[in-house]
Amino acid sequence: MIEGKFDSRTLANMNVALDRVCEKVPHGEDYVVRKRVAKQIIRCASSGKTTLSDLTAAGQRALIKVAVATK
């Protein structure tokens, strides 16, 4: 799916960012949570921000949006 859009280093950074963000939250292994985080990471990478720190921050912002929406 997204493999053709990004180089191998970016894909590796995206995977690490997804794992880092999801491992720190309750229910981080749930499909819905991982999907929401992954979408934000993909958007970030698509905009040209492909460093691990940028991608991780994007994933964390996705979780903040979830927390705010559920309050």
Protein backbone atom coordinates (compact mmCIF):
# COMPACT_ATOMS: atom_id res chain seq x y z
CA MET A 1 0.00 0.00 0.00
CA ILE A 2 2.28 2.78 1.21
CA GLU A 3 5.55 1.01 0.43
CA GLY A 4 5.78 2.61 -3.01
CA LYS A 5 5.25 6.12 -1.65
CA PHE A 6 8.16 6.21 0.80
CA ASP A 7 11.78 5.10 0.84
CA SER A 8 12.93 2.29 3.10
CA ARG A 9 14.38 4.60 5.76
CA THR A 10 11.15 6.56 6.03
CA LEU A 11 9.13 3.34 6.29
CA ALA A 12 11.43 2.11 9.05
CA ASN A 13 11.05 5.42 10.92
CA MET A 14 7.28 5.22 10.52
CA ASN A 15 7.18 1.71 12.00
CA VAL A 16 9.39 2.67 14.94
CA ALA A 17 7.31 5.79 15.61
CA LEU A 18 4.08 3.78 15.57
CA ASP A 19 5.50 1.23 17.99
CA ARG A 20 6.96 3.88 20.32
CA VAL A 21 3.73 5.82 20.55
CA CYS A 22 1.46 2.81 20.96
CA GLU A 23 3.59 0.97 23.52
CA LYS A 24 3.24 3.84 25.99
CA VAL A 25 -0.55 4.01 26.13
CA PRO A 26 -3.25 1.75 27.49
CA HIS A 27 -4.88 -0.19 24.66
CA GLY A 28 -2.04 0.81 22.34
CA GLU A 29 -2.20 -2.63 20.77
CA ASP A 30 -5.84 -2.14 19.75
CA TYR A 31 -6.48 -1.87 16.03
CA VAL A 32 -8.48 1.36 16.31
CA VAL A 33 -5.76 3.11 18.31
CA ARG A 34 -2.95 1.95 16.03
CA LYS A 35 -4.94 2.93 12.94
CA ARG A 36 -5.53 6.47 14.22
CA VAL A 37 -1.86 6.90 15.12
CA ALA A 38 -0.73 5.40 11.81
CA LYS A 39 -2.93 7.79 9.81
CA GLN A 40 -1.31 10.79 11.49
CA ILE A 41 2.16 9.37 10.92
CA ILE A 42 1.37 8.80 7.23
CA ARG A 43 0.08 12.37 6.88
CA CYS A 44 3.24 13.68 8.49
CA ALA A 45 5.50 11.65 6.19
CA SER A 46 3.45 12.68 3.16
CA SER A 47 4.08 16.31 4.03
CA GLY A 48 7.82 15.69 3.88
CA LYS A 49 8.53 15.44 7.60
CA THR A 50 10.18 12.04 7.80
CA THR A 51 12.50 12.16 10.80
CA LEU A 52 11.78 9.79 13.63
CA SER A 53 11.12 12.68 16.01
CA ASP A 54 8.65 14.34 13.61
CA LEU A 55 6.80 11.09 12.99
CA THR A 56 6.68 10.23 16.70
CA ALA A 57 5.35 13.69 17.53
CA ALA A 58 2.65 13.29 14.89
CA GLY A 59 1.59 9.99 16.41
CA GLN A 60 1.47 11.52 19.87
CA ARG A 61 -0.73 14.34 18.57
CA ALA A 62 -3.18 11.73 17.29
CA LEU A 63 -3.51 10.38 20.82
CA ILE A 64 -4.01 13.85 22.26
CA LYS A 65 -6.87 14.40 19.82
CA VAL A 66 -8.47 11.14 20.99
CA ALA A 67 -8.12 12.12 24.66
CA VAL A 68 -9.65 15.55 24.07
CA ALA A 69 -12.51 14.12 22.01
CA THR A 70 -13.44 11.61 24.70
CA LYS A 71 -13.66 14.18 27.52
